[in-house]
Amino acid sequence: MAEERTGLEGLKDAIEAAPAAGDVAVEEVAAPVEPKIDAQGRSYATGKRKDAMARVWIKPGSGKILINGREFATYFARPVLRMVISQPMQIADRENQFDIVCTVKGGGLSGQAGAVRHGISKALTYYEPGLRGVLKKAGFLTRDSRVVERKKYGRAKARRSFQFSKR
């Protein structure tokens, strides 16, 4: 049975003796993560946001972005949505270094932009695993799990009730 300590005197001895008791103090060093690149030199990732799902391929290039076969600026006309999509490349300091091809379906434009951003971030980490820390700290690798609340019976929408009529 272990001896009982009542004060701080024996604490130093216990701390020094603890590693020696097991003699298994092996430091595990994480192996470097290998890039996931296919035969065409691309990395693939799936991004999701609300009901939208984006399939994203990145490869070294001039910075051209194609979404569903259309130019990036024509598909996402609002500047805010274009800014959302370009954020991972700006944070990683890889602007105009990768060509991005993606197909996106489901949801609206805002959800699709979020899904493309999520997919670009994941594909960047697959292509260059060293960028994971920067993108993770910025919050681009976390899937935003917020979705629309379902409609309940006896209500007009999820929480809104029907107009009350006294008479």
N, C-alpha and C. Protein backbone atom coordinates (compact mmCIF):
# COMPACT_ATOMS: atom_id res chain seq x y z
N MET A 1 0.84 -1.18 0.00
CA MET A 1 0.00 0.00 0.00
C MET A 1 0.88 1.24 0.00
N ALA A 2 0.45 2.30 -0.65
CA ALA A 2 1.24 3.52 -0.75
C ALA A 2 1.29 4.22 0.59
N GLU A 3 2.44 4.84 0.85
CA GLU A 3 2.57 5.56 2.11
C GLU A 3 1.84 6.89 2.03
N GLU A 4 1.31 7.32 3.13
CA GLU A 4 0.49 8.53 3.18
C GLU A 4 1.36 9.73 3.54
N ARG A 5 1.14 10.85 2.87
CA ARG A 5 1.90 12.07 3.13
C ARG A 5 0.96 13.10 3.73
N THR A 6 1.46 13.78 4.72
CA THR A 6 0.63 14.78 5.38
C THR A 6 1.10 16.19 5.11
N GLY A 7 2.30 16.36 4.60
CA GLY A 7 2.80 17.70 4.37
C GLY A 7 3.51 17.81 3.02
N LEU A 8 4.19 18.93 2.80
CA LEU A 8 4.88 19.18 1.54
C LEU A 8 6.30 18.62 1.54
N GLU A 9 6.78 18.08 2.70
CA GLU A 9 8.17 17.63 2.77
C GLU A 9 8.42 16.46 1.80
N GLY A 10 7.53 15.52 1.78
CA GLY A 10 7.75 14.33 0.96
C GLY A 10 7.31 14.50 -0.49
N LEU A 11 6.74 15.65 -0.81
CA LEU A 11 6.23 15.86 -2.16
C LEU A 11 7.35 15.90 -3.19
N LYS A 12 8.45 16.55 -2.84
CA LYS A 12 9.57 16.65 -3.77
C LYS A 12 10.15 15.27 -4.07
N ASP A 13 10.28 14.44 -3.01
CA ASP A 13 10.79 13.08 -3.21
C ASP A 13 9.84 12.26 -4.07
N ALA A 14 8.54 12.46 -3.89
CA ALA A 14 7.55 11.69 -4.65
C ALA A 14 7.59 12.07 -6.13
N ILE A 15 7.79 13.35 -6.41
CA ILE A 15 7.84 13.81 -7.80
C ILE A 15 9.08 13.26 -8.49
N GLU A 16 10.23 13.25 -7.79
CA GLU A 16 11.46 12.73 -8.38
C GLU A 16 11.40 11.23 -8.56
N ALA A 17 10.69 10.54 -7.69
CA ALA A 17 10.63 9.08 -7.76
C ALA A 17 9.59 8.58 -8.76
N ALA A 18 8.63 9.41 -9.11
CA ALA A 18 7.53 8.96 -9.97
C ALA A 18 8.00 8.46 -11.34
N PRO A 19 8.84 9.17 -12.09
CA PRO A 19 9.24 8.63 -13.39
C PRO A 19 10.07 7.36 -13.26
N ALA A 20 10.87 7.24 -12.19
CA ALA A 20 11.73 6.08 -12.03
C ALA A 20 10.92 4.83 -11.71
N ALA A 21 9.76 5.00 -11.12
CA ALA A 21 8.94 3.85 -10.73
C ALA A 21 8.47 3.08 -11.96
N GLY A 22 8.07 3.78 -13.01
CA GLY A 22 7.56 3.12 -14.21
C GLY A 22 8.66 2.71 -15.17
N ASP A 23 9.71 3.47 -15.26
CA ASP A 23 10.81 3.27 -16.21
C ASP A 23 10.32 3.11 -17.65
N VAL A 24 9.21 3.75 -17.97
CA VAL A 24 8.67 3.68 -19.32
C VAL A 24 8.55 5.08 -19.90
N ALA A 25 9.31 6.00 -19.41
CA ALA A 25 9.20 7.39 -19.85
C ALA A 25 9.72 7.52 -21.27
N VAL A 26 8.89 7.16 -22.23
CA VAL A 26 9.26 7.24 -23.64
C VAL A 26 8.52 8.43 -24.24
N GLU A 27 9.26 9.34 -24.83
CA GLU A 27 8.63 10.50 -25.45
C GLU A 27 8.21 10.12 -26.86
N GLU A 28 6.92 10.26 -27.12
CA GLU A 28 6.42 9.96 -28.46
C GLU A 28 6.42 11.24 -29.28
N VAL A 29 7.14 11.18 -30.37
CA VAL A 29 7.21 12.31 -31.28
C VAL A 29 6.28 12.01 -32.44
N ALA A 30 5.38 12.96 -32.72
CA ALA A 30 4.42 12.76 -33.80
C ALA A 30 5.16 12.73 -35.14
N ALA A 31 4.80 11.76 -35.94
CA ALA A 31 5.41 11.64 -37.25
C ALA A 31 4.94 12.80 -38.14
N PRO A 32 5.81 13.32 -38.99
CA PRO A 32 5.37 14.41 -39.86
C PRO A 32 4.25 13.94 -40.78
N VAL A 33 3.25 14.78 -40.95
CA VAL A 33 2.09 14.43 -41.76
C VAL A 33 2.45 14.54 -43.23
N GLU A 34 2.12 13.51 -43.98
CA GLU A 34 2.41 13.49 -45.41
C GLU A 34 1.31 14.23 -46.17
N PRO A 35 1.66 14.99 -47.20
CA PRO A 35 0.63 15.64 -48.02
C PRO A 35 -0.19 14.60 -48.78
N LYS A 36 -1.49 14.90 -48.96
CA LYS A 36 -2.37 14.02 -49.71
C LYS A 36 -2.58 14.63 -51.09
N ILE A 37 -1.81 14.16 -52.06
CA ILE A 37 -1.83 14.71 -53.41
C ILE A 37 -2.08 13.56 -54.38
N ASP A 38 -3.03 13.73 -55.31
CA ASP A 38 -3.36 12.67 -56.26
C ASP A 38 -2.41 12.68 -57.46
N ALA A 39 -2.69 11.83 -58.45
CA ALA A 39 -1.80 11.68 -59.61
C ALA A 39 -1.71 12.95 -60.46
N GLN A 40 -2.76 13.78 -60.46
CA GLN A 40 -2.74 15.02 -61.23
C GLN A 40 -2.11 16.18 -60.45
N GLY A 41 -1.60 15.93 -59.24
CA GLY A 41 -0.98 16.97 -58.44
C GLY A 41 -1.97 17.83 -57.70
N ARG A 42 -3.19 17.30 -57.44
CA ARG A 42 -4.24 18.06 -56.75
C ARG A 42 -4.49 17.50 -55.37
N SER A 43 -5.04 18.34 -54.52
CA SER A 43 -5.56 17.89 -53.23
C SER A 43 -7.05 18.12 -53.21
N TYR A 44 -7.79 17.15 -52.65
CA TYR A 44 -9.25 17.20 -52.63
C TYR A 44 -9.76 17.27 -51.21
N ALA A 45 -10.80 18.08 -51.01
CA ALA A 45 -11.45 18.14 -49.69
C ALA A 45 -12.92 18.49 -49.87
N THR A 46 -13.71 18.16 -48.87
CA THR A 46 -15.14 18.46 -48.87
C THR A 46 -15.40 19.48 -47.78
N GLY A 47 -16.12 20.54 -48.12
CA GLY A 47 -16.49 21.55 -47.14
C GLY A 47 -18.00 21.60 -47.00
N LYS A 48 -18.47 21.87 -45.77
CA LYS A 48 -19.91 21.92 -45.53
C LYS A 48 -20.26 23.14 -44.69
N ARG A 49 -21.47 23.65 -44.94
CA ARG A 49 -22.00 24.77 -44.18
C ARG A 49 -23.51 24.81 -44.42
N LYS A 50 -24.31 24.84 -43.36
CA LYS A 50 -25.77 24.78 -43.45
C LYS A 50 -26.16 23.58 -44.32
N ASP A 51 -26.90 23.79 -45.40
CA ASP A 51 -27.28 22.68 -46.28
C ASP A 51 -26.38 22.57 -47.50
N ALA A 52 -25.35 23.39 -47.58
CA ALA A 52 -24.48 23.41 -48.76
C ALA A 52 -23.31 22.45 -48.57
N MET A 53 -22.91 21.84 -49.67
CA MET A 53 -21.75 20.94 -49.66
C MET A 53 -20.87 21.27 -50.87
N ALA A 54 -19.59 21.49 -50.61
CA ALA A 54 -18.66 21.87 -51.67
C ALA A 54 -17.57 20.81 -51.79
N ARG A 55 -17.29 20.41 -53.02
CA ARG A 55 -16.16 19.53 -53.31
C ARG A 55 -15.09 20.39 -53.95
N VAL A 56 -13.90 20.42 -53.34
CA VAL A 56 -12.86 21.38 -53.72
C VAL A 56 -11.59 20.64 -54.11
N TRP A 57 -11.01 21.02 -55.26
CA TRP A 57 -9.71 20.53 -55.70
C TRP A 57 -8.79 21.73 -55.82
N ILE A 58 -7.59 21.63 -55.25
CA ILE A 58 -6.59 22.71 -55.43
C ILE A 58 -5.33 22.11 -56.04
N LYS A 59 -4.66 22.92 -56.87
CA LYS A 59 -3.38 22.53 -57.44
C LYS A 59 -2.58 23.81 -57.69
N PRO A 60 -1.27 23.72 -57.75
CA PRO A 60 -0.46 24.92 -57.99
C PRO A 60 -0.85 25.58 -59.32
N GLY A 61 -0.93 26.90 -59.28
CA GLY A 61 -1.33 27.62 -60.49
C GLY A 61 -1.25 29.11 -60.30
N SER A 62 -2.10 29.82 -61.03
CA SER A 62 -2.04 31.28 -61.06
C SER A 62 -3.07 31.96 -60.17
N GLY A 63 -3.89 31.20 -59.45
CA GLY A 63 -4.88 31.80 -58.58
C GLY A 63 -6.27 31.85 -59.17
N LYS A 64 -6.54 31.08 -60.21
CA LYS A 64 -7.84 31.06 -60.86
C LYS A 64 -8.81 30.21 -60.03
N ILE A 65 -10.02 30.72 -59.81
CA ILE A 65 -11.03 30.01 -59.03
C ILE A 65 -12.26 29.76 -59.90
N LEU A 66 -12.62 28.49 -60.09
CA LEU A 66 -13.80 28.11 -60.85
C LEU A 66 -14.79 27.44 -59.91
N ILE A 67 -16.03 27.92 -59.93
CA ILE A 67 -17.08 27.34 -59.09
C ILE A 67 -18.22 26.91 -60.00
N ASN A 68 -18.51 25.61 -60.01
CA ASN A 68 -19.54 25.03 -60.87
C ASN A 68 -19.33 25.42 -62.33
N GLY A 69 -18.08 25.48 -62.77
CA GLY A 69 -17.76 25.80 -64.15
C GLY A 69 -17.82 27.28 -64.49
N ARG A 70 -18.15 28.11 -63.52
CA ARG A 70 -18.22 29.55 -63.77
C ARG A 70 -17.12 30.27 -62.99
N GLU A 71 -16.82 31.46 -63.46
CA GLU A 71 -15.79 32.28 -62.80
C GLU A 71 -16.26 32.65 -61.39
N PHE A 72 -15.30 32.72 -60.49
CA PHE A 72 -15.53 33.02 -59.08
C PHE A 72 -16.32 34.31 -58.88
N ALA A 73 -15.97 35.37 -59.63
CA ALA A 73 -16.61 36.68 -59.44
C ALA A 73 -18.04 36.71 -59.99
N THR A 74 -18.34 35.88 -60.98
CA THR A 74 -19.71 35.87 -61.50
C THR A 74 -20.63 35.00 -60.67
N TYR A 75 -20.10 33.91 -60.10
CA TYR A 75 -20.95 33.03 -59.28
C TYR A 75 -21.32 33.70 -57.97
N PHE A 76 -20.33 34.28 -57.30
CA PHE A 76 -20.57 35.01 -56.06
C PHE A 76 -20.44 36.50 -56.37
N ALA A 77 -21.57 37.14 -56.66
CA ALA A 77 -21.56 38.55 -57.08
C ALA A 77 -21.30 39.50 -55.92
N ARG A 78 -21.74 39.12 -54.71
CA ARG A 78 -21.56 40.02 -53.56
C ARG A 78 -20.10 40.02 -53.09
N PRO A 79 -19.56 41.20 -52.83
CA PRO A 79 -18.16 41.28 -52.40
C PRO A 79 -17.90 40.56 -51.08
N VAL A 80 -18.90 40.53 -50.19
CA VAL A 80 -18.72 39.86 -48.89
C VAL A 80 -18.47 38.37 -49.10
N LEU A 81 -19.19 37.77 -50.02
CA LEU A 81 -19.03 36.34 -50.28
C LEU A 81 -17.68 36.04 -50.91
N ARG A 82 -17.22 36.93 -51.79
CA ARG A 82 -15.89 36.75 -52.38
C ARG A 82 -14.81 36.89 -51.32
N MET A 83 -15.01 37.80 -50.38
CA MET A 83 -14.05 37.98 -49.29
C MET A 83 -13.99 36.72 -48.42
N VAL A 84 -15.16 36.13 -48.13
CA VAL A 84 -15.22 34.93 -47.30
C VAL A 84 -14.41 33.80 -47.94
N ILE A 85 -14.54 33.65 -49.25
CA ILE A 85 -13.85 32.57 -49.95
C ILE A 85 -12.34 32.79 -50.01
N SER A 86 -11.91 34.04 -50.12
CA SER A 86 -10.48 34.30 -50.25
C SER A 86 -9.76 34.36 -48.90
N GLN A 87 -10.48 34.30 -47.79
CA GLN A 87 -9.85 34.40 -46.46
C GLN A 87 -8.79 33.33 -46.20
N PRO A 88 -9.05 32.04 -46.46
CA PRO A 88 -8.01 31.04 -46.15
C PRO A 88 -6.71 31.28 -46.91
N MET A 89 -6.82 31.71 -48.16
CA MET A 89 -5.61 31.96 -48.94
C MET A 89 -4.84 33.16 -48.40
N GLN A 90 -5.56 34.19 -47.94
CA GLN A 90 -4.90 35.37 -47.38
C GLN A 90 -4.21 35.03 -46.07
N ILE A 91 -4.90 34.30 -45.19
CA ILE A 91 -4.33 33.94 -43.89
C ILE A 91 -3.07 33.09 -44.08
N ALA A 92 -3.14 32.14 -45.04
CA ALA A 92 -2.01 31.24 -45.28
C ALA A 92 -0.93 31.89 -46.14
N ASP A 93 -1.19 33.11 -46.62
CA ASP A 93 -0.25 33.84 -47.48
C ASP A 93 0.05 33.04 -48.76
N ARG A 94 -1.01 32.49 -49.36
CA ARG A 94 -0.87 31.70 -50.58
C ARG A 94 -1.76 32.25 -51.70
N GLU A 95 -1.98 33.56 -51.72
CA GLU A 95 -2.80 34.16 -52.77
C GLU A 95 -2.12 34.01 -54.12
N ASN A 96 -2.90 33.74 -55.15
CA ASN A 96 -2.43 33.59 -56.53
C ASN A 96 -1.36 32.51 -56.69
N GLN A 97 -1.37 31.50 -55.81
CA GLN A 97 -0.43 30.39 -55.93
C GLN A 97 -1.12 29.08 -56.26
N PHE A 98 -2.45 29.01 -56.06
CA PHE A 98 -3.19 27.78 -56.30
C PHE A 98 -4.38 28.05 -57.21
N ASP A 99 -4.63 27.12 -58.13
CA ASP A 99 -5.88 27.12 -58.90
C ASP A 99 -6.88 26.28 -58.12
N ILE A 100 -8.11 26.78 -58.03
CA ILE A 100 -9.15 26.10 -57.26
C ILE A 100 -10.30 25.78 -58.19
N VAL A 101 -10.72 24.53 -58.19
CA VAL A 101 -11.89 24.09 -58.93
C VAL A 101 -12.82 23.46 -57.93
N CYS A 102 -14.09 23.91 -57.91
CA CYS A 102 -15.01 23.31 -56.95
C CYS A 102 -16.41 23.22 -57.51
N THR A 103 -17.12 22.22 -57.01
CA THR A 103 -18.54 22.09 -57.31
C THR A 103 -19.26 22.22 -55.99
N VAL A 104 -20.32 23.00 -56.00
CA VAL A 104 -21.06 23.24 -54.77
C VAL A 104 -22.54 23.10 -55.06
N LYS A 105 -23.27 22.48 -54.13
CA LYS A 105 -24.70 22.33 -54.31
C LYS A 105 -25.39 22.39 -52.96
N GLY A 106 -26.68 22.74 -53.00
CA GLY A 106 -27.47 22.82 -51.77
C GLY A 106 -27.35 24.18 -51.11
N GLY A 107 -28.39 24.55 -50.37
CA GLY A 107 -28.36 25.78 -49.61
C GLY A 107 -28.43 27.02 -50.47
N GLY A 108 -28.16 28.16 -49.86
CA GLY A 108 -28.15 29.43 -50.56
C GLY A 108 -26.73 29.89 -50.80
N LEU A 109 -26.59 31.11 -51.30
CA LEU A 109 -25.26 31.61 -51.64
C LEU A 109 -24.36 31.77 -50.42
N SER A 110 -24.93 32.22 -49.31
CA SER A 110 -24.11 32.42 -48.11
C SER A 110 -23.59 31.08 -47.59
N GLY A 111 -24.45 30.08 -47.53
CA GLY A 111 -24.03 28.76 -47.10
C GLY A 111 -23.03 28.14 -48.05
N GLN A 112 -23.22 28.38 -49.35
CA GLN A 112 -22.29 27.84 -50.33
C GLN A 112 -20.92 28.48 -50.20
N ALA A 113 -20.89 29.78 -49.93
CA ALA A 113 -19.60 30.46 -49.74
C ALA A 113 -18.88 29.91 -48.51
N GLY A 114 -19.62 29.67 -47.44
CA GLY A 114 -19.02 29.08 -46.24
C GLY A 114 -18.51 27.68 -46.49
N ALA A 115 -19.25 26.91 -47.29
CA ALA A 115 -18.83 25.55 -47.61
C ALA A 115 -17.56 25.56 -48.46
N VAL A 116 -17.48 26.47 -49.41
CA VAL A 116 -16.28 26.57 -50.25
C VAL A 116 -15.08 26.98 -49.40
N ARG A 117 -15.27 27.92 -48.49
CA ARG A 117 -14.17 28.33 -47.60
C ARG A 117 -13.68 27.17 -46.76
N HIS A 118 -14.62 26.39 -46.21
CA HIS A 118 -14.25 25.22 -45.41
C HIS A 118 -13.48 24.21 -46.25
N GLY A 119 -13.95 23.98 -47.48
CA GLY A 119 -13.27 23.03 -48.36
C GLY A 119 -11.89 23.50 -48.78
N ILE A 120 -11.75 24.78 -49.07
CA ILE A 120 -10.43 25.32 -49.45
C ILE A 120 -9.45 25.17 -48.29
N SER A 121 -9.92 25.45 -47.09
CA SER A 121 -9.05 25.35 -45.91
C SER A 121 -8.57 23.92 -45.71
N LYS A 122 -9.50 22.97 -45.82
CA LYS A 122 -9.12 21.56 -45.64
C LYS A 122 -8.18 21.10 -46.75
N ALA A 123 -8.45 21.51 -47.99
CA ALA A 123 -7.59 21.11 -49.11
C ALA A 123 -6.19 21.70 -48.96
N LEU A 124 -6.09 22.93 -48.44
CA LEU A 124 -4.78 23.53 -48.20
C LEU A 124 -3.98 22.73 -47.17
N THR A 125 -4.66 22.27 -46.12
CA THR A 125 -3.95 21.49 -45.10
C THR A 125 -3.53 20.13 -45.65
N TYR A 126 -4.31 19.58 -46.59
CA TYR A 126 -3.91 18.32 -47.20
C TYR A 126 -2.72 18.52 -48.12
N TYR A 127 -2.67 19.65 -48.82
CA TYR A 127 -1.57 19.92 -49.74
C TYR A 127 -0.31 20.32 -48.98
N GLU A 128 -0.48 21.22 -47.99
CA GLU A 128 0.65 21.67 -47.16
C GLU A 128 0.27 21.50 -45.69
N PRO A 129 0.61 20.37 -45.08
CA PRO A 129 0.22 20.12 -43.68
C PRO A 129 0.77 21.16 -42.70
N GLY A 130 1.79 21.88 -43.06
CA GLY A 130 2.35 22.91 -42.17
C GLY A 130 1.42 24.09 -41.96
N LEU A 131 0.44 24.27 -42.83
CA LEU A 131 -0.49 25.39 -42.71
C LEU A 131 -1.62 25.10 -41.73
N ARG A 132 -1.70 23.88 -41.22
CA ARG A 132 -2.82 23.50 -40.36
C ARG A 132 -2.94 24.39 -39.13
N GLY A 133 -1.84 24.72 -38.48
CA GLY A 133 -1.88 25.53 -37.27
C GLY A 133 -2.47 26.92 -37.52
N VAL A 134 -2.05 27.54 -38.60
CA VAL A 134 -2.52 28.89 -38.93
C VAL A 134 -4.02 28.87 -39.23
N LEU A 135 -4.45 27.90 -40.05
CA LEU A 135 -5.86 27.83 -40.43
C LEU A 135 -6.74 27.40 -39.26
N LYS A 136 -6.22 26.53 -38.42
CA LYS A 136 -6.99 26.08 -37.25
C LYS A 136 -7.19 27.23 -36.27
N LYS A 137 -6.14 28.02 -36.07
CA LYS A 137 -6.24 29.15 -35.14
C LYS A 137 -7.24 30.18 -35.65
N ALA A 138 -7.32 30.36 -36.96
CA ALA A 138 -8.28 31.30 -37.54
C ALA A 138 -9.71 30.74 -37.52
N GLY A 139 -9.86 29.43 -37.27
CA GLY A 139 -11.18 28.82 -37.17
C GLY A 139 -11.76 28.36 -38.49
N PHE A 140 -10.92 28.20 -39.52
CA PHE A 140 -11.42 27.82 -40.84
C PHE A 140 -11.58 26.32 -41.01
N LEU A 141 -10.97 25.51 -40.13
CA LEU A 141 -11.07 24.07 -40.27
C LEU A 141 -12.24 23.48 -39.49
N THR A 142 -12.88 24.28 -38.67
CA THR A 142 -14.01 23.81 -37.88
C THR A 142 -15.28 23.94 -38.70
N ARG A 143 -16.03 22.88 -38.79
CA ARG A 143 -17.29 22.89 -39.53
C ARG A 143 -18.32 23.64 -38.69
N ASP A 144 -18.90 24.68 -39.26
CA ASP A 144 -19.91 25.47 -38.56
C ASP A 144 -21.20 24.64 -38.52
N SER A 145 -21.56 24.15 -37.34
CA SER A 145 -22.66 23.19 -37.24
C SER A 145 -24.03 23.84 -37.12
N ARG A 146 -24.09 25.16 -37.17
CA ARG A 146 -25.39 25.82 -37.03
C ARG A 146 -26.25 25.59 -38.27
N VAL A 147 -27.45 25.08 -38.06
CA VAL A 147 -28.39 24.86 -39.15
C VAL A 147 -29.73 25.46 -38.75
N VAL A 148 -30.64 25.54 -39.72
CA VAL A 148 -31.95 26.14 -39.47
C VAL A 148 -32.74 25.24 -38.53
N GLU A 149 -33.38 25.87 -37.55
CA GLU A 149 -34.20 25.12 -36.59
C GLU A 149 -35.48 24.65 -37.28
N ARG A 150 -35.91 23.45 -36.97
CA ARG A 150 -37.07 22.88 -37.64
C ARG A 150 -38.36 23.55 -37.19
N LYS A 151 -39.36 23.49 -38.06
CA LYS A 151 -40.67 24.05 -37.75
C LYS A 151 -41.40 23.09 -36.82
N LYS A 152 -42.09 23.66 -35.81
CA LYS A 152 -42.87 22.85 -34.88
C LYS A 152 -44.35 22.95 -35.19
N TYR A 153 -45.10 21.91 -34.86
CA TYR A 153 -46.54 21.92 -35.09
C TYR A 153 -47.20 22.93 -34.14
N GLY A 154 -48.30 23.51 -34.60
CA GLY A 154 -49.00 24.50 -33.79
C GLY A 154 -48.34 25.86 -33.79
N ARG A 155 -47.33 26.04 -34.61
CA ARG A 155 -46.60 27.31 -34.69
C ARG A 155 -46.50 27.73 -36.15
N ALA A 156 -46.29 29.03 -36.37
CA ALA A 156 -46.16 29.53 -37.73
C ALA A 156 -44.80 29.16 -38.32
N LYS A 157 -43.74 29.27 -37.49
CA LYS A 157 -42.39 28.90 -37.91
C LYS A 157 -41.79 28.08 -36.79
N ALA A 158 -40.49 28.15 -36.59
CA ALA A 158 -39.87 27.35 -35.54
C ALA A 158 -40.33 27.80 -34.16
N ARG A 159 -40.39 29.10 -33.94
CA ARG A 159 -40.79 29.62 -32.63
C ARG A 159 -41.95 30.60 -32.70
N ARG A 160 -42.15 31.21 -33.84
CA ARG A 160 -43.21 32.20 -33.96
C ARG A 160 -44.56 31.53 -33.90
N SER A 161 -45.44 32.07 -33.05
CA SER A 161 -46.78 31.53 -32.96
C SER A 161 -47.73 32.32 -33.86
N PHE A 162 -48.89 31.75 -34.09
CA PHE A 162 -49.88 32.43 -34.92
C PHE A 162 -50.40 33.65 -34.19
N GLN A 163 -50.92 34.63 -34.94
CA GLN A 163 -51.43 35.85 -34.33
C GLN A 163 -52.62 35.53 -33.45
N PHE A 164 -52.59 36.11 -32.24
CA PHE A 164 -53.65 35.86 -31.27
C PHE A 164 -54.86 36.76 -31.59
N SER A 165 -56.01 36.16 -31.58
CA SER A 165 -57.25 36.92 -31.81
C SER A 165 -58.14 36.78 -30.59
N LYS A 166 -58.45 37.91 -29.97
CA LYS A 166 -59.26 37.87 -28.74
C LYS A 166 -60.71 37.54 -29.06
N ARG A 167 -61.22 38.05 -30.18
CA ARG A 167 -62.63 37.81 -30.55
C ARG A 167 -62.76 37.17 -31.91
